[in-house]
Amino acid sequence: MQLARTTYAGFNDHHLCEKLVEKEGFSLGRETLRRLLRSAGIGSPRKRRAPTHRQRRLARAREGEMVLLDASLHRWLEDRGPQLTLLGFLDDATRKVLVAEFFPTEDARGYFRLLQRLLRRFGVPLSLYGDRHSVFVRNDDHWTVEEQLAGHRQPTQFGRALEQLGITYIAAQTPQAKGRIERLWGTFQDRLTSELRLAGAHDLVTSNQVLRRFLPDHNRRFGRAPRHTETAWRPAPQSLDHICCFHHERLVSNDNVVQWDGRRFQIPPQPQRFSFAGAKVQLYESLEGKVSIYYAESRLRLIDG
């Protein structure tokens, strides 16, 4: 009871029982612990909702067939540090968290980092399932002249990367449609918050250190075997750095200068072409802030961020 009130204060009954058995050497069952806690006046911090009738979507049969992605903004560090956003990718068939990381905010750069890690570690999934966040889909009503002439809108930066990878993006229409990953966040906000408190995590770095230790144990406890043993993962391409980044098309001025984001980049003389005035070039902005200028397949210049 002393440990429940101090070291493991805020842990739910199941989580507390695991810690007492695995870390403190106790030998007791969850129901026994629950009776002891209630008799001592210690209630469970996790309130159970009244049961409602729902018809759940059948999970995909193969690992890599559908990956759910989402973010959770929460006071993960309670009053010990800043508010953080947890981004995560969950395999639909196995319920395992494939990659996850804390970031200051939910943005395309964070999703690109996790996507790149997912591709290198597992391969290319068949589909991603998420919400209608502006990182994934265009929510504005503005059509450029080029889009009107082409009859379709340009995707977001993240959407463009998915098209290059051959990944289908499925946008959920309601929060309830994302029930599987929403339940994951409920579990994390209970268990992971307690683990962060126990470890004394107080900032982004220490929180991600705890998260890296937490994920394997979570997957071991809550993961399940897929209905089919054959996976749906496909080999990832070699050019991931040019896919999981930001693309910007620019027109070269008469003095061989490219302007972007308030900066001017001079294209140096190239052996294959004297001048690039009037040519369209591609700027690849890496996740680390480096900018590469390309004309077709030729790199014209690399600028450190």
Protein backbone atom coordinates (compact mmCIF):
# COMPACT_ATOMS: atom_id res chain seq x y z
CA MET A 1 0.00 0.00 0.00
CA GLN A 2 2.92 2.31 0.66
CA LEU A 3 4.29 1.70 -2.85
CA ALA A 4 0.83 2.26 -4.34
CA ARG A 5 0.60 5.65 -2.60
CA THR A 6 4.17 6.81 -3.38
CA THR A 7 6.38 5.25 -6.07
CA TYR A 8 3.50 3.94 -8.20
CA ALA A 9 0.87 6.55 -7.42
CA GLY A 10 -1.45 6.97 -10.40
CA PHE A 11 -0.85 3.48 -11.87
CA ASN A 12 -4.00 1.54 -12.75
CA ASP A 13 -4.60 -1.80 -11.02
CA HIS A 14 -3.30 -3.99 -13.84
CA HIS A 15 -0.22 -1.84 -14.43
CA LEU A 16 0.52 -1.64 -10.69
CA CYS A 17 0.25 -5.42 -10.34
CA GLU A 18 2.77 -5.87 -13.17
CA LYS A 19 5.23 -3.49 -11.50
CA LEU A 20 4.90 -5.08 -8.06
CA VAL A 21 5.54 -8.55 -9.46
CA GLU A 22 8.26 -7.70 -12.00
CA LYS A 23 10.13 -4.90 -10.20
CA GLU A 24 9.41 -5.34 -6.48
CA GLY A 25 9.36 -9.15 -6.18
CA PHE A 26 5.79 -9.53 -4.91
CA SER A 27 3.75 -12.64 -5.67
CA LEU A 28 0.08 -11.74 -5.91
CA GLY A 29 -2.75 -11.73 -8.41
CA ARG A 30 -4.53 -8.72 -9.82
CA GLU A 31 -7.82 -9.48 -8.07
CA THR A 32 -6.05 -9.88 -4.73
CA LEU A 33 -4.31 -6.55 -5.25
CA ARG A 34 -7.57 -4.90 -6.29
CA ARG A 35 -9.31 -6.05 -3.06
CA LEU A 36 -6.39 -4.79 -0.96
CA LEU A 37 -6.40 -1.42 -2.71
CA ARG A 38 -10.14 -0.92 -2.33
CA SER A 39 -10.12 -1.97 1.33
CA ALA A 40 -7.38 0.63 1.89
CA GLY A 41 -9.46 3.29 0.15
CA ILE A 42 -7.27 3.51 -2.97
CA GLY A 43 -9.46 3.73 -6.07
CA SER A 44 -8.39 3.04 -9.65
CA PRO A 45 -7.34 6.25 -11.48
CA ARG A 46 -8.80 4.89 -14.72
CA LYS A 47 -12.55 5.27 -14.92
CA ARG A 48 -14.43 2.69 -16.95
CA ARG A 49 -17.06 3.86 -19.41
CA ALA A 50 -20.49 2.32 -19.52
CA PRO A 51 -20.58 -0.37 -22.21
CA THR A 52 -22.13 0.63 -25.54
CA HIS A 53 -23.00 -1.41 -28.58
CA ARG A 54 -20.47 -1.02 -31.39
CA GLN A 55 -19.62 -3.08 -34.41
CA ARG A 56 -15.88 -3.02 -34.85
CA ARG A 57 -14.16 -3.10 -38.20
CA LEU A 58 -12.46 -6.43 -38.85
CA ALA A 59 -8.71 -6.02 -38.60
CA ARG A 60 -6.59 -6.55 -41.69
CA ALA A 61 -5.30 -10.08 -42.12
CA ARG A 62 -1.65 -9.37 -42.94
CA GLU A 63 1.02 -7.30 -41.25
CA GLY A 64 1.79 -4.24 -43.37
CA GLU A 65 -1.60 -4.31 -45.11
CA MET A 66 -2.81 -1.23 -43.24
CA VAL A 67 -0.91 1.05 -40.87
CA LEU A 68 -2.80 3.55 -38.70
CA LEU A 69 -1.13 6.88 -37.94
CA ASP A 70 -2.15 9.64 -35.58
CA ALA A 71 -0.94 12.12 -32.97
CA SER A 72 -1.84 12.63 -29.33
CA LEU A 73 -1.42 16.05 -27.72
CA HIS A 74 -1.41 15.47 -23.97
CA ARG A 75 0.21 16.60 -20.72
CA TRP A 76 2.48 13.59 -20.87
CA LEU A 77 4.90 15.13 -18.36
CA GLU A 78 2.12 16.48 -16.14
CA ASP A 79 3.67 19.48 -14.33
CA ARG A 80 7.33 18.42 -14.80
CA GLY A 81 7.86 19.77 -18.31
CA PRO A 82 6.34 21.11 -21.53
CA GLN A 83 3.28 19.74 -23.29
CA LEU A 84 4.37 17.23 -25.95
CA THR A 85 2.77 15.56 -28.95
CA LEU A 86 3.20 11.82 -29.46
CA LEU A 87 3.16 10.64 -33.09
CA GLY A 88 2.76 6.94 -33.77
CA PHE A 89 2.21 4.31 -36.47
CA LEU A 90 0.16 1.22 -35.46
CA ASP A 91 -0.10 -1.97 -37.52
CA ASP A 92 -3.76 -2.88 -37.92
CA ALA A 93 -3.25 -6.65 -38.12
CA THR A 94 -0.98 -7.09 -35.08
CA ARG A 95 -1.91 -4.06 -32.87
CA LYS A 96 1.82 -3.42 -32.51
CA VAL A 97 3.22 0.11 -32.45
CA LEU A 98 5.77 0.09 -35.27
CA VAL A 99 7.35 3.50 -34.69
CA ALA A 100 6.55 6.36 -32.31
CA GLU A 101 8.25 9.49 -31.06
CA PHE A 102 7.54 12.61 -29.02
CA PHE A 103 7.67 15.94 -30.87
CA PRO A 104 6.91 19.52 -29.81
CA THR A 105 4.01 19.73 -32.30
CA GLU A 106 2.17 17.69 -34.94
CA ASP A 107 3.66 18.60 -38.32
CA ALA A 108 4.83 17.12 -41.62
CA ARG A 109 8.48 17.00 -40.54
CA GLY A 110 7.66 14.68 -37.64
CA TYR A 111 5.49 12.41 -39.79
CA PHE A 112 8.23 12.28 -42.44
CA ARG A 113 10.76 11.21 -39.80
CA LEU A 114 8.55 8.37 -38.61
CA LEU A 115 7.62 7.34 -42.17
CA GLN A 116 11.28 7.13 -43.13
CA ARG A 117 12.03 5.05 -40.03
CA LEU A 118 9.08 2.76 -40.81
CA LEU A 119 10.22 2.24 -44.41
CA ARG A 120 13.81 1.45 -43.45
CA ARG A 121 12.81 -0.94 -40.67
CA PHE A 122 9.85 -2.79 -42.19
CA GLY A 123 9.31 -1.77 -45.82
CA VAL A 124 6.44 -0.12 -47.68
CA PRO A 125 2.88 -0.83 -46.42
CA LEU A 126 -0.09 -1.13 -48.74
CA SER A 127 -2.08 1.66 -47.08
CA LEU A 128 -2.07 4.27 -44.35
CA TYR A 129 -5.22 5.12 -42.37
CA GLY A 130 -5.47 8.49 -40.66
CA ASP A 131 -7.57 11.61 -40.28
CA ARG A 132 -8.05 14.66 -42.50
CA HIS A 133 -5.22 16.69 -40.99
CA SER A 134 -3.71 19.22 -43.40
CA VAL A 135 -0.44 17.27 -43.34
CA PHE A 136 -2.19 14.41 -45.17
CA VAL A 137 -4.92 15.98 -47.32
CA ARG A 138 -5.71 19.36 -48.86
CA ASN A 139 -8.47 21.03 -46.87
CA ASP A 140 -8.40 24.46 -48.52
CA ASP A 141 -10.68 25.50 -51.38
CA HIS A 142 -8.03 27.30 -53.43
CA TRP A 143 -7.20 25.88 -56.86
CA THR A 144 -4.23 27.22 -58.77
CA VAL A 145 -4.48 27.87 -62.51
CA GLU A 146 -2.27 24.83 -63.15
CA GLU A 147 -4.57 22.64 -61.04
CA GLN A 148 -7.66 23.92 -62.85
CA LEU A 149 -6.09 23.14 -66.23
CA ALA A 150 -5.00 19.68 -65.08
CA GLY A 151 -8.39 18.92 -63.51
CA HIS A 152 -6.98 17.74 -60.18
CA ARG A 153 -5.30 19.24 -57.15
CA GLN A 154 -1.69 18.82 -56.16
CA PRO A 155 -1.26 16.69 -53.02
CA THR A 156 0.35 17.82 -49.80
CA GLN A 157 4.06 17.16 -49.35
CA PHE A 158 3.26 14.02 -47.35
CA GLY A 159 0.62 12.97 -49.88
CA ARG A 160 3.11 13.39 -52.71
CA ALA A 161 5.57 11.10 -50.92
CA LEU A 162 2.86 8.44 -50.48
CA GLU A 163 2.05 8.60 -54.21
CA GLN A 164 5.73 8.10 -55.04
CA LEU A 165 5.83 5.10 -52.71
CA GLY A 166 2.59 3.60 -54.04
CA ILE A 167 0.86 3.83 -50.64
CA THR A 168 -2.91 4.36 -50.57
CA TYR A 169 -4.03 6.94 -48.01
CA ILE A 170 -7.45 6.36 -46.40
CA ALA A 171 -8.87 9.41 -44.60
CA ALA A 172 -11.27 8.69 -41.75
CA GLN A 173 -14.36 10.88 -41.77
CA THR A 174 -14.97 10.86 -38.00
CA PRO A 175 -12.89 10.36 -34.82
CA GLN A 176 -14.95 7.23 -34.08
CA ALA A 177 -13.66 5.66 -37.30
CA LYS A 178 -10.16 5.76 -35.79
CA GLY A 179 -11.27 3.80 -32.75
CA ARG A 180 -8.36 1.39 -32.81
CA ILE A 181 -5.64 4.02 -32.54
CA GLU A 182 -7.79 6.18 -30.24
CA ARG A 183 -7.89 3.25 -27.81
CA LEU A 184 -4.13 3.00 -28.12
CA TRP A 185 -3.78 6.63 -27.02
CA GLY A 186 -6.05 5.92 -24.06
CA THR A 187 -3.75 3.10 -22.98
CA PHE A 188 -0.65 5.24 -23.50
CA GLN A 189 -2.07 8.22 -21.62
CA ASP A 190 -2.61 5.87 -18.69
CA ARG A 191 0.43 3.59 -18.74
CA LEU A 192 3.07 5.72 -20.50
CA THR A 193 2.27 8.78 -18.41
CA SER A 194 2.86 6.67 -15.30
CA GLU A 195 6.14 5.32 -16.68
CA LEU A 196 7.33 8.85 -17.51
CA ARG A 197 6.48 9.93 -13.95
CA LEU A 198 8.29 6.91 -12.49
CA ALA A 199 11.41 7.68 -14.55
CA GLY A 200 11.30 11.38 -13.73
CA ALA A 201 11.22 12.39 -17.40
CA HIS A 202 11.06 16.15 -17.72
CA ASP A 203 11.78 17.11 -21.34
CA LEU A 204 11.67 15.88 -24.94
CA VAL A 205 14.95 13.94 -24.76
CA THR A 206 14.23 12.03 -21.54
CA SER A 207 10.64 11.35 -22.66
CA ASN A 208 11.82 9.69 -25.87
CA GLN A 209 14.33 7.63 -23.89
CA VAL A 210 11.51 6.27 -21.74
CA LEU A 211 9.34 5.72 -24.83
CA ARG A 212 12.03 3.59 -26.50
CA ARG A 213 12.10 1.29 -23.48
CA PHE A 214 8.32 1.28 -23.17
CA LEU A 215 7.40 0.24 -26.74
CA PRO A 216 8.85 -3.31 -26.79
CA ASP A 217 7.14 -4.15 -23.50
CA HIS A 218 3.85 -2.66 -24.72
CA ASN A 219 3.97 -4.67 -27.96
CA ARG A 220 4.75 -7.85 -26.04
CA ARG A 221 1.75 -7.36 -23.77
CA PHE A 222 -0.82 -6.01 -26.21
CA GLY A 223 0.29 -7.23 -29.65
CA ARG A 224 -1.38 -10.19 -31.33
CA ALA A 225 -0.60 -12.59 -34.13
CA PRO A 226 -2.05 -11.66 -37.55
CA ARG A 227 -4.62 -13.92 -39.16
CA HIS A 228 -2.20 -14.64 -42.04
CA THR A 229 1.50 -15.22 -41.54
CA GLU A 230 2.44 -13.82 -44.96
CA THR A 231 3.18 -10.09 -44.69
CA ALA A 232 2.17 -7.33 -47.09
CA TRP A 233 5.37 -5.29 -46.71
CA ARG A 234 7.11 -4.31 -49.96
CA PRO A 235 10.79 -3.43 -50.37
CA ALA A 236 11.56 0.24 -49.79
CA PRO A 237 13.28 2.19 -52.60
CA GLN A 238 16.84 3.40 -52.24
CA SER A 239 15.97 7.07 -52.78
CA LEU A 240 14.15 7.59 -49.47
CA ASP A 241 16.02 10.84 -48.75
CA HIS A 242 14.56 12.34 -51.93
CA ILE A 243 11.05 11.06 -51.15
CA CYS A 244 10.69 11.75 -47.43
CA CYS A 245 11.54 15.43 -47.74
CA PHE A 246 10.02 18.69 -48.97
CA HIS A 247 9.91 19.39 -52.74
CA HIS A 248 9.81 22.91 -54.15
CA GLU A 249 9.79 23.75 -57.86
CA ARG A 250 11.38 27.07 -58.86
CA LEU A 251 12.21 28.98 -62.05
CA VAL A 252 15.84 30.04 -62.51
CA SER A 253 16.29 33.78 -63.12
CA ASN A 254 18.44 35.28 -65.89
CA ASP A 255 21.45 35.57 -63.56
CA ASN A 256 21.25 31.84 -62.67
CA VAL A 257 19.79 32.52 -59.23
CA VAL A 258 17.04 30.50 -57.52
CA GLN A 259 14.89 32.27 -54.93
CA TRP A 260 13.19 30.32 -52.13
CA ASP A 261 12.00 31.10 -48.62
CA GLY A 262 13.49 34.61 -48.74
CA ARG A 263 16.90 33.28 -49.76
CA ARG A 264 18.84 33.46 -53.04
CA PHE A 265 20.90 30.53 -54.28
CA GLN A 266 23.43 31.02 -57.06
CA ILE A 267 23.80 28.07 -59.42
CA PRO A 268 27.52 27.62 -60.13
CA PRO A 269 28.80 26.89 -63.68
CA GLN A 270 28.03 23.33 -64.77
CA PRO A 271 30.03 21.23 -67.24
CA GLN A 272 26.91 19.98 -69.03
CA ARG A 273 25.18 23.35 -69.47
CA PHE A 274 26.40 26.94 -69.62
CA SER A 275 23.24 28.63 -68.27
CA PHE A 276 20.03 27.50 -66.56
CA ALA A 277 18.17 30.80 -67.02
CA GLY A 278 14.45 30.10 -67.46
CA ALA A 279 14.76 26.43 -66.51
CA LYS A 280 12.58 24.77 -63.87
CA VAL A 281 14.60 23.18 -61.08
CA GLN A 282 13.65 21.12 -58.04
CA LEU A 283 14.70 22.05 -54.51
CA TYR A 284 14.82 19.12 -52.10
CA GLU A 285 14.71 20.30 -48.49
CA SER A 286 15.88 17.50 -46.20
CA LEU A 287 14.51 16.90 -42.70
CA GLU A 288 17.79 18.26 -41.34
CA GLY A 289 17.41 21.54 -43.25
CA LYS A 290 19.84 20.94 -46.12
CA VAL A 291 18.70 22.10 -49.56
CA SER A 292 19.72 20.38 -52.79
CA ILE A 293 19.03 21.96 -56.18
CA TYR A 294 18.39 19.47 -58.97
CA TYR A 295 17.82 19.79 -62.69
CA ALA A 296 16.37 16.47 -63.87
CA GLU A 297 18.73 13.91 -62.27
CA SER A 298 21.73 16.25 -61.94
CA ARG A 299 22.46 17.96 -58.65
CA LEU A 300 23.50 21.56 -59.24
CA ARG A 301 24.19 22.64 -55.68
CA LEU A 302 23.95 21.52 -52.04
CA ILE A 303 23.29 24.13 -49.36
CA ASP A 304 23.64 23.33 -45.65
CA GLY A 305 20.79 24.52 -43.47
